[in-house]
C-alpha atoms as a PDB file:
ATOM      1  CA  MET A   1     -29.682  -0.559  12.877  1.00  0.00           C
ATOM      2  CA  MET A   2     -30.921   2.524  11.151  1.00  0.00           C
ATOM      3  CA  LEU A   3     -28.400   4.500  13.782  1.00  0.00           C
ATOM      4  CA  LYS A   4     -25.510   2.310  13.067  1.00  0.00           C
ATOM      5  CA  ARG A   5     -26.036   2.833   9.120  1.00  0.00           C
ATOM      6  CA  PHE A   6     -26.409   6.504   9.786  1.00  0.00           C
ATOM      7  CA  ALA A   7     -22.993   6.147  11.814  1.00  0.00           C
ATOM      8  CA  LEU A   8     -21.653   4.551   8.553  1.00  0.00           C
ATOM      9  CA  ARG A   9     -23.139   7.060   6.373  1.00  0.00           C
ATOM     10  CA  ASN A  10     -21.089   9.948   7.883  1.00  0.00           C
ATOM     11  CA  THR A  11     -17.998   8.731   8.203  1.00  0.00           C
ATOM     12  CA  VAL A  12     -15.276  10.407   7.134  1.00  0.00           C
ATOM     13  CA  PHE A  13     -12.334   9.521   5.123  1.00  0.00           C
ATOM     14  CA  SER A  14      -8.994  11.026   5.941  1.00  0.00           C
ATOM     15  CA  VAL A  15      -6.567  12.325   4.077  1.00  0.00           C
ATOM     16  CA  CYS A  16      -3.937  10.034   2.428  1.00  0.00           C
ATOM     17  CA  LEU A  17      -4.153   8.726  -1.553  1.00  0.00           C
ATOM     18  CA  PHE A  18     -12.703   2.194 -20.446  1.00  0.00           C
ATOM     19  CA  CYS A  19     -10.783   5.697 -21.944  1.00  0.00           C
ATOM     20  CA  ALA A  20      -8.599  11.153 -22.515  1.00  0.00           C
ATOM     21  CA  ALA A  21      -7.400  13.444 -25.512  1.00  0.00           C
ATOM     22  CA  SER A  22      -4.391  12.751 -27.709  1.00  0.00           C
ATOM     23  CA  PHE A  23      -1.159  13.065 -26.142  1.00  0.00           C
ATOM     24  CA  ALA A  24      -0.257  15.652 -28.267  1.00  0.00           C
ATOM     25  CA  GLY A  25      -2.864  18.325 -26.653  1.00  0.00           C
ATOM     26  CA  ALA A  26      -2.527  16.826 -22.993  1.00  0.00           C
ATOM     27  CA  GLU A  27      -3.386  19.004 -20.437  1.00  0.00           C
ATOM     28  CA  SER A  28      -0.266  19.337 -18.001  1.00  0.00           C
ATOM     29  CA  VAL A  29      -1.241  19.586 -14.306  1.00  0.00           C
ATOM     30  CA  PRO A  30       0.499  22.046 -11.928  1.00  0.00           C
ATOM     31  CA  ALA A  31       3.560  20.918 -10.006  1.00  0.00           C
ATOM     32  CA  ALA A  32       1.282  21.275  -6.868  1.00  0.00           C
ATOM     33  CA  VAL A  33      -1.029  19.079  -7.892  1.00  0.00           C
ATOM     34  CA  ILE A  34       0.698  16.049  -9.099  1.00  0.00           C
ATOM     35  CA  GLU A  35       3.045  15.776  -5.490  1.00  0.00           C
ATOM     36  CA  PRO A  36       1.440  12.078  -4.433  1.00  0.00           C
ATOM     37  CA  ALA A  37       0.098  11.576  -1.054  1.00  0.00           C
ATOM     38  CA  ALA A  38       0.344   8.444   1.231  1.00  0.00           C
ATOM     39  CA  ALA A  39      -3.090   6.884   1.747  1.00  0.00           C
ATOM     40  CA  VAL A  40      -4.428   6.059   4.996  1.00  0.00           C
ATOM     41  CA  ALA A  41      -6.931   3.494   6.106  1.00  0.00           C
ATOM     42  CA  PRO A  42     -10.153   4.946   6.317  1.00  0.00           C
ATOM     43  CA  ALA A  43     -11.646   5.141   9.744  1.00  0.00           C
ATOM     44  CA  VAL A  44     -14.423   2.836  10.276  1.00  0.00           C
ATOM     45  CA  ALA A  45     -17.414   4.055  12.646  1.00  0.00           C
ATOM     46  CA  GLY A  46     -18.331   2.545  15.777  1.00  0.00           C
ATOM     47  CA  THR A  47     -21.187   2.309  18.068  1.00  0.00           C
ATOM     48  CA  VAL A  48     -23.563   5.274  18.165  1.00  0.00           C
ATOM     49  CA  PRO A  49     -22.156   8.246  20.867  1.00  0.00           C
ATOM     50  CA  ALA A  50     -24.604   8.539  23.820  1.00  0.00           C
ATOM     51  CA  ALA A  51     -25.018  11.859  22.907  1.00  0.00           C
ATOM     52  CA  GLU A  52     -26.600  10.805  19.544  1.00  0.00           C
ATOM     53  CA  THR A  53     -28.853   8.303  20.669  1.00  0.00           C
ATOM     54  CA  GLY A  54     -32.011   9.850  21.446  1.00  0.00           C
ATOM     55  CA  PRO A  55     -34.999  11.147  19.394  1.00  0.00           C
ATOM     56  CA  ALA A  56     -32.923  13.612  17.636  1.00  0.00           C
ATOM     57  CA  ALA A  57     -30.437  11.555  16.397  1.00  0.00           C
ATOM     58  CA  VAL A  58     -32.931   9.009  14.812  1.00  0.00           C
ATOM     59  CA  GLU A  59     -34.719  12.405  13.178  1.00  0.00           C
ATOM     60  CA  SER A  60     -31.680  13.573  11.553  1.00  0.00           C
ATOM     61  CA  ALA A  61     -30.800   9.606  10.478  1.00  0.00           C
ATOM     62  CA  ALA A  62     -34.175  10.189   8.217  1.00  0.00           C
ATOM     63  CA  VAL A  63     -31.963  12.398   6.021  1.00  0.00           C
ATOM     64  CA  PRO A  64     -28.800  10.810   4.858  1.00  0.00           C
ATOM     65  CA  LYS A  65     -25.870  12.441   4.510  1.00  0.00           C
ATOM     66  CA  PRO A  66     -22.585  12.301   1.929  1.00  0.00           C
ATOM     67  CA  ALA A  67     -20.191   9.645   4.081  1.00  0.00           C
ATOM     68  CA  PHE A  68     -17.232  11.602   2.768  1.00  0.00           C
ATOM     69  CA  SER A  69     -16.327  15.774   2.936  1.00  0.00           C
ATOM     70  CA  GLY A  70     -15.171  16.666  -0.249  1.00  0.00           C
ATOM     71  CA  SER A  71     -12.135  18.698   1.208  1.00  0.00           C
ATOM     72  CA  VAL A  72     -10.437  15.922   2.363  1.00  0.00           C
ATOM     73  CA  LEU A  73     -10.331  13.352  -0.706  1.00  0.00           C
ATOM     74  CA  LEU A  74      -8.313  15.227  -2.491  1.00  0.00           C
ATOM     75  CA  ASP A  75      -5.439  17.910  -2.395  1.00  0.00           C
ATOM     76  CA  PRO A  76      -7.145  21.457  -2.046  1.00  0.00           C
ATOM     77  CA  SER A  77      -5.237  22.545  -5.664  1.00  0.00           C
ATOM     78  CA  VAL A  78      -6.861  19.454  -7.634  1.00  0.00           C
ATOM     79  CA  ARG A  79      -9.880  20.558  -5.707  1.00  0.00           C
ATOM     80  CA  ALA A  80      -9.690  24.217  -6.636  1.00  0.00           C
ATOM     81  CA  GLU A  81      -8.755  22.894 -10.367  1.00  0.00           C
ATOM     82  CA  LEU A  82     -11.424  20.635 -10.357  1.00  0.00           C
ATOM     83  CA  GLU A  83     -14.258  23.158  -9.166  1.00  0.00           C
ATOM     84  CA  LYS A  84     -13.011  25.275 -11.972  1.00  0.00           C
ATOM     85  CA  THR A  85     -12.466  23.204 -14.898  1.00  0.00           C
ATOM     86  CA  GLY A  86     -14.742  20.071 -14.319  1.00  0.00           C
ATOM     87  CA  ASN A  87     -11.886  17.774 -15.002  1.00  0.00           C
ATOM     88  CA  ILE A  88      -8.307  17.252 -14.663  1.00  0.00           C
ATOM     89  CA  LYS A  89      -6.354  14.881 -17.385  1.00  0.00           C
ATOM     90  CA  GLN A  90      -2.090  13.752 -16.570  1.00  0.00           C
ATOM     91  CA  ASN A  91      -0.595  11.784 -18.703  1.00  0.00           C
ATOM     92  CA  HIS A  92       3.122   9.964 -19.042  1.00  0.00           C
ATOM     93  CA  TYR A  93       4.847   8.295 -21.911  1.00  0.00           C
ATOM     94  CA  LYS A  94       7.935   6.691 -21.278  1.00  0.00           C
ATOM     95  CA  ASP A  95       8.251   8.162 -17.686  1.00  0.00           C
ATOM     96  CA  PRO A  96       9.966   5.689 -15.808  1.00  0.00           C
ATOM     97  CA  GLY A  97       8.252   5.608 -11.857  1.00  0.00           C
ATOM     98  CA  ALA A  98       5.310   7.604 -13.294  1.00  0.00           C
ATOM     99  CA  LYS A  99       2.390   6.940 -10.447  1.00  0.00           C
ATOM    100  CA  PRO A 100      -1.044   8.163 -10.661  1.00  0.00           C
ATOM    101  CA  VAL A 101      -1.583  11.222  -8.245  1.00  0.00           C
ATOM    102  CA  LEU A 102      -5.083  12.069  -9.161  1.00  0.00           C
ATOM    103  CA  TYR A 103      -7.220   9.659  -7.482  1.00  0.00           C
ATOM    104  CA  PRO A 104      -9.248  10.328  -4.562  1.00  0.00           C
ATOM    105  CA  ARG A 105      -7.500   9.312  -1.184  1.00  0.00           C
ATOM    106  CA  THR A 106     -10.347   6.555  -0.645  1.00  0.00           C
ATOM    107  CA  GLU A 107     -10.230   3.032   0.804  1.00  0.00           C
ATOM    108  CA  LEU A 108     -10.669   1.939  -3.087  1.00  0.00           C
ATOM    109  CA  GLY A 109      -8.419   4.878  -4.518  1.00  0.00           C
ATOM    110  CA  ALA A 110      -5.771   4.040  -2.784  1.00  0.00           C
ATOM    111  CA  ALA A 111      -5.899   0.536  -3.431  1.00  0.00           C
ATOM    112  CA  LEU A 112      -5.964   1.368  -7.260  1.00  0.00           C
ATOM    113  CA  LEU A 113      -2.031   1.700  -6.677  1.00  0.00           C
ATOM    114  CA  ASP A 114      -2.326  -1.732  -7.049  1.00  0.00           C
ATOM    115  CA  THR A 115      -3.993  -3.060  -9.956  1.00  0.00           C
ATOM    116  CA  TRP A 116      -1.385  -3.439 -12.188  1.00  0.00           C
ATOM    117  CA  ALA A 117      -0.603  -6.537 -13.091  1.00  0.00           C
ATOM    118  CA  GLY A 118       1.964  -6.444 -15.930  1.00  0.00           C
ATOM    119  CA  ASP A 119       5.163  -8.215 -16.454  1.00  0.00           C
ATOM    120  CA  SER A 120       7.261  -4.898 -16.063  1.00  0.00           C
ATOM    121  CA  ASP A 121       6.344  -1.102 -15.645  1.00  0.00           C
ATOM    122  CA  PRO A 122       3.684   0.404 -17.944  1.00  0.00           C
ATOM    123  CA  VAL A 123       5.048   2.405 -20.730  1.00  0.00           C
ATOM    124  CA  PHE A 124       1.945   4.380 -20.592  1.00  0.00           C
ATOM    125  CA  LEU A 125       0.015   6.051 -17.848  1.00  0.00           C
ATOM    126  CA  ALA A 126      -3.051   7.899 -18.357  1.00  0.00           C
ATOM    127  CA  GLU A 127      -5.310   9.716 -15.332  1.00  0.00           C
ATOM    128  CA  THR A 128      -8.213  11.665 -15.208  1.00  0.00           C
ATOM    129  CA  LEU A 129     -10.168  13.109 -12.636  1.00  0.00           C
ATOM    130  CA  TYR A 130     -14.135  14.793 -13.008  1.00  0.00           C
ATOM    131  CA  LEU A 131     -16.374  16.240 -11.031  1.00  0.00           C
ATOM    132  CA  LEU A 132     -19.992  15.269 -11.956  1.00  0.00           C
ATOM    133  CA  LYS A 133     -22.682  17.253 -10.292  1.00  0.00           C
ATOM    134  CA  LYS A 134     -25.760  15.223  -9.717  1.00  0.00           C
ATOM    135  CA  PRO A 135     -29.171  16.349 -10.912  1.00  0.00           C
ATOM    136  CA  GLU A 136     -30.731  19.035  -8.241  1.00  0.00           C
ATOM    137  CA  SER A 137     -33.716  16.455  -7.212  1.00  0.00           C
ATOM    138  CA  SER A 138     -30.821  14.453  -5.479  1.00  0.00           C
ATOM    139  CA  VAL A 139     -28.295  16.524  -4.359  1.00  0.00           C
ATOM    140  CA  GLY A 140     -27.792  15.838  -0.803  1.00  0.00           C
ATOM    141  CA  LEU A 141     -30.407  13.525   0.110  1.00  0.00           C
ATOM    142  CA  LYS A 142     -29.611  10.301  -1.608  1.00  0.00           C
ATOM    143  CA  ASN A 143     -26.714   7.876  -1.468  1.00  0.00           C
ATOM    144  CA  ASP A 144     -26.157   6.818  -5.309  1.00  0.00           C
ATOM    145  CA  THR A 145     -23.923   4.058  -4.665  1.00  0.00           C
ATOM    146  CA  ASP A 146     -25.917   1.019  -5.461  1.00  0.00           C
ATOM    147  CA  LEU A 147     -27.140   2.584  -8.577  1.00  0.00           C
ATOM    148  CA  ILE A 148     -23.984   3.288  -9.788  1.00  0.00           C
ATOM    149  CA  SER A 149     -23.286  -0.239  -9.003  1.00  0.00           C
ATOM    150  CA  LYS A 150     -25.760  -1.384 -11.463  1.00  0.00           C
ATOM    151  CA  VAL A 151     -24.619   1.302 -13.851  1.00  0.00           C
ATOM    152  CA  VAL A 152     -21.006  -0.196 -14.308  1.00  0.00           C
ATOM    153  CA  ARG A 153     -21.742  -3.515 -13.944  1.00  0.00           C
ATOM    154  CA  SER A 154     -24.005  -3.013 -17.526  1.00  0.00           C
ATOM    155  CA  VAL A 155     -21.417  -3.965 -20.114  1.00  0.00           C
ATOM    156  CA  SER A 156     -23.404  -4.371 -22.626  1.00  0.00           C
ATOM    157  CA  THR A 157     -24.369  -0.638 -22.421  1.00  0.00           C
ATOM    158  CA  MET A 158     -21.035   0.044 -23.938  1.00  0.00           C
ATOM    159  CA  GLU A 159     -21.837  -1.117 -26.793  1.00  0.00           C
ATOM    160  CA  GLY A 160     -21.768   1.628 -29.732  1.00  0.00           C
ATOM    161  CA  ILE A 161     -20.188   4.045 -27.790  1.00  0.00           C
ATOM    162  CA  PRO A 162     -18.627   7.355 -29.912  1.00  0.00           C
ATOM    163  CA  TYR A 163     -15.412   8.672 -29.031  1.00  0.00           C
ATOM    164  CA  TYR A 164     -13.504  11.077 -31.273  1.00  0.00           C
ATOM    165  CA  SER A 165     -10.583   9.204 -33.338  1.00  0.00           C
ATOM    166  CA  ASN A 166      -7.419  11.399 -33.050  1.00  0.00           C
ATOM    167  CA  SER A 167      -5.991   9.662 -36.225  1.00  0.00           C
ATOM    168  CA  GLU A 168      -8.491   9.895 -38.520  1.00  0.00           C
ATOM    169  CA  LYS A 169     -10.498  13.563 -37.226  1.00  0.00           C
ATOM    170  CA  ARG A 170     -13.892  11.990 -36.783  1.00  0.00           C
ATOM    171  CA  MET A 171     -15.908  10.339 -34.457  1.00  0.00           C
ATOM    172  CA  LYS A 172     -16.194   6.836 -34.527  1.00  0.00           C
ATOM    173  CA  THR A 173     -17.946   3.504 -32.439  1.00  0.00           C
ATOM    174  CA  LEU A 174     -15.715   2.503 -29.952  1.00  0.00           C
ATOM    175  CA  TYR A 175     -16.819  -1.315 -29.162  1.00  0.00           C
ATOM    176  CA  GLU A 176     -18.948  -2.595 -31.920  1.00  0.00           C
ATOM    177  CA  LYS A 177     -20.124  -5.666 -29.446  1.00  0.00           C
ATOM    178  CA  SER A 178     -20.028  -5.453 -25.820  1.00  0.00           C
ATOM    179  CA  TYR A 179     -21.384  -7.994 -23.434  1.00  0.00           C
ATOM    180  CA  THR A 180     -20.835 -10.182 -20.216  1.00  0.00           C
ATOM    181  CA  ILE A 181     -19.496 -13.854 -21.036  1.00  0.00           C
ATOM    182  CA  ASN A 182     -19.797 -16.934 -19.008  1.00  0.00           C
ATOM    183  CA  ASN A 183     -15.791 -17.672 -19.353  1.00  0.00           C
ATOM    184  CA  PRO A 184     -12.826 -16.613 -21.767  1.00  0.00           C
ATOM    185  CA  THR A 185     -12.774 -20.165 -23.291  1.00  0.00           C
ATOM    186  CA  ASP A 186     -16.526 -20.487 -24.500  1.00  0.00           C
ATOM    187  CA  ARG A 187     -17.207 -17.245 -24.515  1.00  0.00           C
ATOM    188  CA  GLN A 188     -20.813 -17.412 -24.599  1.00  0.00           C
ATOM    189  CA  LYS A 189     -23.202 -14.193 -23.930  1.00  0.00           C
ATOM    190  CA  ILE A 190     -24.973 -13.825 -20.625  1.00  0.00           C
ATOM    191  CA  PRO A 191     -26.780 -11.180 -19.140  1.00  0.00           C
ATOM    192  CA  ASP A 192     -25.315  -8.404 -17.265  1.00  0.00           C
ATOM    193  CA  VAL A 193     -24.484  -9.030 -13.721  1.00  0.00           C
ATOM    194  CA  THR A 194     -26.806  -6.279 -12.218  1.00  0.00           C
ATOM    195  CA  GLU A 195     -28.818  -8.013  -8.595  1.00  0.00           C
ATOM    196  CA  GLY A 196     -27.009  -7.270  -5.198  1.00  0.00           C
ATOM    197  CA  SER A 197     -24.022  -5.604  -4.423  1.00  0.00           C
ATOM    198  CA  ALA A 198     -21.000  -5.504  -7.081  1.00  0.00           C
ATOM    199  CA  ASP A 199     -18.682  -5.992  -4.068  1.00  0.00           C
ATOM    200  CA  ASN A 200     -16.207  -8.805  -4.873  1.00  0.00           C
ATOM    201  CA  LEU A 201     -17.283  -9.310  -7.903  1.00  0.00           C
ATOM    202  CA  SER A 202     -15.433 -10.773 -10.728  1.00  0.00           C
ATOM    203  CA  ILE A 203     -16.919 -11.031 -14.434  1.00  0.00           C
ATOM    204  CA  TYR A 204     -15.573 -11.844 -17.826  1.00  0.00           C
ATOM    205  CA  ALA A 205     -16.839  -9.351 -20.690  1.00  0.00           C
ATOM    206  CA  PHE A 206     -16.226  -9.399 -24.029  1.00  0.00           C
ATOM    207  CA  GLN A 207     -15.716  -6.428 -26.872  1.00  0.00           C
ATOM    208  CA  GLU A 208     -15.074  -5.990 -30.048  1.00  0.00           C
ATOM    209  CA  ASP A 209     -13.084  -2.742 -30.344  1.00  0.00           C
ATOM    210  CA  GLY A 210     -13.334  -0.909 -33.433  1.00  0.00           C
ATOM    211  CA  THR A 211      -9.307  -0.587 -33.494  1.00  0.00           C
ATOM    212  CA  PHE A 212      -8.358  -3.664 -31.823  1.00  0.00           C
ATOM    213  CA  GLY A 213     -10.667  -6.449 -32.709  1.00  0.00           C
ATOM    214  CA  LYS A 214     -12.296  -8.985 -30.329  1.00  0.00           C
ATOM    215  CA  ILE A 215     -10.881  -8.609 -27.172  1.00  0.00           C
ATOM    216  CA  VAL A 216     -11.718 -10.618 -23.371  1.00  0.00           C
ATOM    217  CA  TYR A 217     -11.070  -8.794 -20.251  1.00  0.00           C
ATOM    218  CA  GLU A 218     -11.894  -9.732 -16.347  1.00  0.00           C
ATOM    219  CA  ILE A 219     -13.381  -6.880 -14.652  1.00  0.00           C
ATOM    220  CA  LYS A 220     -13.119  -6.770 -10.688  1.00  0.00           C
ATOM    221  CA  TYR A 221     -15.708  -4.798  -8.765  1.00  0.00           C
ATOM    222  CA  THR A 222     -15.256  -3.343  -5.354  1.00  0.00           C
ATOM    223  CA  GLN A 223     -18.203  -1.526  -3.526  1.00  0.00           C
ATOM    224  CA  ARG A 224     -18.197   0.390  -0.406  1.00  0.00           C
ATOM    225  CA  GLU A 225     -21.047   2.336   1.410  1.00  0.00           C
ATOM    226  CA  ASN A 226     -19.983   5.816  -1.225  1.00  0.00           C
ATOM    227  CA  GLU A 227     -17.498   4.205  -3.523  1.00  0.00           C
ATOM    228  CA  VAL A 228     -17.314   1.800  -6.282  1.00  0.00           C
ATOM    229  CA  SER A 229     -14.592   1.051  -8.085  1.00  0.00           C
ATOM    230  CA  MET A 230     -14.181  -1.167 -11.452  1.00  0.00           C
ATOM    231  CA  VAL A 231     -11.126  -2.686 -12.774  1.00  0.00           C
ATOM    232  CA  ILE A 232     -10.429  -4.282 -16.018  1.00  0.00           C
ATOM    233  CA  HIS A 233      -7.105  -6.359 -17.303  1.00  0.00           C
ATOM    234  CA  ASN A 234      -7.169  -8.032 -20.624  1.00  0.00           C
ATOM    235  CA  VAL A 235      -6.951 -11.880 -20.214  1.00  0.00           C
ATOM    236  CA  ALA A 236      -5.671 -12.455 -24.129  1.00  0.00           C
ATOM    237  CA  PRO A 237      -3.052 -10.501 -26.658  1.00  0.00           C
ATOM    238  CA  VAL A 238      -4.515  -7.278 -28.003  1.00  0.00           C
ATOM    239  CA  LYS A 239      -3.718  -7.276 -31.605  1.00  0.00           C
ATOM    240  CA  LEU A 240      -3.276  -4.682 -34.126  1.00  0.00           C
ATOM    241  CA  SER A 241      -3.503  -6.435 -37.487  1.00  0.00           C
ATOM    242  CA  PHE A 242      -1.418  -9.304 -37.194  1.00  0.00           C
ATOM    243  CA  ILE A 243       0.977  -7.944 -34.651  1.00  0.00           C
ATOM    244  CA  THR A 244       0.272  -8.334 -30.654  1.00  0.00           C
ATOM    245  CA  ALA A 245       0.223  -5.024 -29.404  1.00  0.00           C
ATOM    246  CA  ILE A 246      -0.328  -5.930 -25.954  1.00  0.00           C
ATOM    247  CA  LYS A 247       0.144  -9.020 -24.058  1.00  0.00           C
ATOM    248  CA  PRO A 248      -2.150 -10.716 -21.546  1.00  0.00           C
ATOM    249  CA  GLN A 249      -2.250  -8.621 -18.021  1.00  0.00           C
ATOM    250  CA  ASN A 250      -0.303  -5.495 -19.339  1.00  0.00           C
ATOM    251  CA  LEU A 251      -3.618  -3.465 -20.135  1.00  0.00           C
ATOM    252  CA  ALA A 252      -5.445  -1.959 -16.713  1.00  0.00           C
ATOM    253  CA  LEU A 253      -8.007   0.305 -16.999  1.00  0.00           C
ATOM    254  CA  SER A 254      -9.996   1.143 -13.869  1.00  0.00           C
ATOM    255  CA  LEU A 255     -13.074   3.351 -13.156  1.00  0.00           C
ATOM    256  CA  LEU A 256     -13.573   4.791  -9.496  1.00  0.00           C
ATOM    257  CA  ILE A 257     -16.389   6.847  -8.361  1.00  0.00           C
ATOM    258  CA  VAL A 258     -16.946   8.489  -5.073  1.00  0.00           C
ATOM    259  CA  ASP A 259     -20.425   9.870  -4.296  1.00  0.00           C
ATOM    260  CA  GLU A 260     -19.863  13.092  -2.390  1.00  0.00           C
ATOM    261  CA  GLY A 261     -23.095  13.805  -1.844  1.00  0.00           C
ATOM    262  CA  ASP A 262     -23.862  16.789  -3.754  1.00  0.00           C
ATOM    263  CA  ASP A 263     -21.802  15.321  -6.830  1.00  0.00           C
ATOM    264  CA  LEU A 264     -19.783  12.669  -7.829  1.00  0.00           C
ATOM    265  CA  LEU A 265     -15.845  12.665  -8.129  1.00  0.00           C
ATOM    266  CA  VAL A 266     -15.285  10.229 -11.453  1.00  0.00           C
ATOM    267  CA  TYR A 267     -11.536   8.680 -11.810  1.00  0.00           C
ATOM    268  CA  LEU A 268     -10.391   6.663 -14.405  1.00  0.00           C
ATOM    269  CA  LEU A 269      -6.916   5.581 -15.178  1.00  0.00           C
ATOM    270  CA  ALA A 270      -5.030   3.628 -18.093  1.00  0.00           C
ATOM    271  CA  GLN A 271      -1.816   1.897 -17.285  1.00  0.00           C
ATOM    272  CA  ILE A 272      -0.690  -0.090 -20.853  1.00  0.00           C
ATOM    273  CA  LYS A 273       2.725  -1.649 -21.592  1.00  0.00           C
ATOM    274  CA  PHE A 274       3.480  -2.360 -25.236  1.00  0.00           C
ATOM    275  CA  PRO A 275       6.404  -2.731 -27.633  1.00  0.00           C
ATOM    276  CA  ALA A 276       8.437   0.074 -28.505  1.00  0.00           C
ATOM    277  CA  LEU A 277       7.218  -0.384 -32.628  1.00  0.00           C
ATOM    278  CA  SER A 278       6.207   2.684 -34.081  1.00  0.00           C
ATOM    279  CA  LEU A 279       3.447   1.592 -35.492  1.00  0.00           C
ATOM    280  CA  ILE A 280       1.874  -0.256 -32.145  1.00  0.00           C
ATOM    281  CA  GLU A 281       3.212   3.455 -30.231  1.00  0.00           C
ATOM    282  CA  ASN A 282       1.327   5.358 -33.090  1.00  0.00           C
ATOM    283  CA  ALA A 283      -1.498   3.970 -32.433  1.00  0.00           C
ATOM    284  CA  LEU A 284      -1.895   3.267 -28.807  1.00  0.00           C
ATOM    285  CA  ASN A 285      -0.905   6.712 -28.381  1.00  0.00           C
ATOM    286  CA  ARG A 286      -3.639   8.290 -30.430  1.00  0.00           C
ATOM    287  CA  SER A 287      -6.102   5.881 -29.050  1.00  0.00           C
ATOM    288  CA  PHE A 288      -6.038   5.374 -25.512  1.00  0.00           C
ATOM    289  CA  GLY A 289      -6.162   9.026 -23.986  1.00  0.00           C
ATOM    290  CA  ALA A 290      -9.524   9.823 -26.116  1.00  0.00           C
ATOM    291  CA  ARG A 291     -11.115   6.755 -24.274  1.00  0.00           C
ATOM    292  CA  LEU A 292     -11.109   7.606 -21.172  1.00  0.00           C
ATOM    293  CA  ASP A 293     -13.193  10.424 -22.287  1.00  0.00           C
ATOM    294  CA  ALA A 294     -15.125   8.139 -24.187  1.00  0.00           C
ATOM    295  CA  THR A 295     -15.820   5.751 -20.913  1.00  0.00           C
ATOM    296  CA  TYR A 296     -16.702   8.902 -18.606  1.00  0.00           C
ATOM    297  CA  ASN A 297     -19.058  10.119 -21.019  1.00  0.00           C
ATOM    298  CA  TRP A 298     -20.878   6.797 -21.185  1.00  0.00           C
ATOM    299  CA  PHE A 299     -20.621   6.801 -17.265  1.00  0.00           C
ATOM    300  CA  GLU A 300     -22.424  10.038 -17.437  1.00  0.00           C
ATOM    301  CA  SER A 301     -25.261   9.170 -19.892  1.00  0.00           C
ATOM    302  CA  GLU A 302     -25.895   6.043 -17.881  1.00  0.00           C
ATOM    303  CA  TYR A 303     -26.172   7.299 -14.727  1.00  0.00           C
ATOM    304  CA  LEU A 304     -28.114  10.313 -15.971  1.00  0.00           C
ATOM    305  CA  ASP A 305     -30.780   8.480 -17.989  1.00  0.00           C
ATOM    306  CA  ALA A 306     -31.025   6.197 -14.888  1.00  0.00           C
ATOM    307  CA  LYS A 307     -31.732   9.696 -12.096  1.00  0.00           C
ATOM    308  CA  LYS A 308     -34.267  10.086 -14.862  1.00  0.00           C
ATOM    309  CA  ARG A 309     -35.767   6.654 -14.699  1.00  0.00           C
ATOM    310  CA  GLU A 310     -35.522   6.525 -10.758  1.00  0.00           C
ATOM    311  CA  SER A 311     -36.983  10.415 -10.390  1.00  0.00           C
ATOM    312  CA  GLU A 312     -40.110   8.621 -12.409  1.00  0.00           C
ATOM    313  CA  GLY A 313     -40.429   5.985 -10.397  1.00  0.00           C
ATOM    314  CA  ALA A 314     -39.223   3.560 -12.798  1.00  0.00           C
ATOM    315  CA  VAL A 315     -36.243   2.603 -10.383  1.00  0.00           C
ATOM    316  CA  LYS A 316     -36.895   0.961  -7.114  1.00  0.00           C
END
């Protein structure tokens, strides 16, 4: 069992494939960076070769290694820019045919290309890729996928997270309330679902948004050996005052975390369709970019706190 698990942890994916700064200040990505690549299905590890079945293999299996090699998960120019700046941002507004390009080329990264469920193409697409260094105590030694899985399912911890309002030029609270609910109709608050694996888990969440009021989402999770994804769709209309700003299923927010061993790749994608009304356009353009940054800051804070508790023996 240990040998099979070790082989799986060393599987390398081949090259293939809720919200950032205001659009007015969005950063451009060099042309070499934004060429989309085709997704390639990951290689699946089989049995351990005979040469690796002796005592040496057992001894090496005692020290877990990252299943992914960072050099093959990103375009080389993207990797170089990410190592230099720590994050890369790409925004499209009213750009027909715009597609995500910054996603890590993994199984779950490629799957994010099929998450849009709107009635027509989104008018707004924003993506951000972050490089998050692990605490020194866990660099290269421990796979954090299970811990990450618990963090992203802890919907209640999103309550009270701050974000920068580009319209008001000040920090505000993104979600006044945030919790898991039993279903979209009853909206009964239930505990966060954090036990076991997140794979194939689907939940509903209620959030009282500081700008858009009460919103109900469906959140779908997928978990693999070294990556976890979280895909969010609105199941009820999103209102701006008395106007329906976003119809059901016309808002998709995705979060993907890939454990590379020494660091994490954290990728966020927002896809939205809304009517061409200046009031709505201005509000959404100013808001959803900053929300990607706020979502990343939430994940980073919760992950590092969990790692600290783990190092103190509080997380098993």
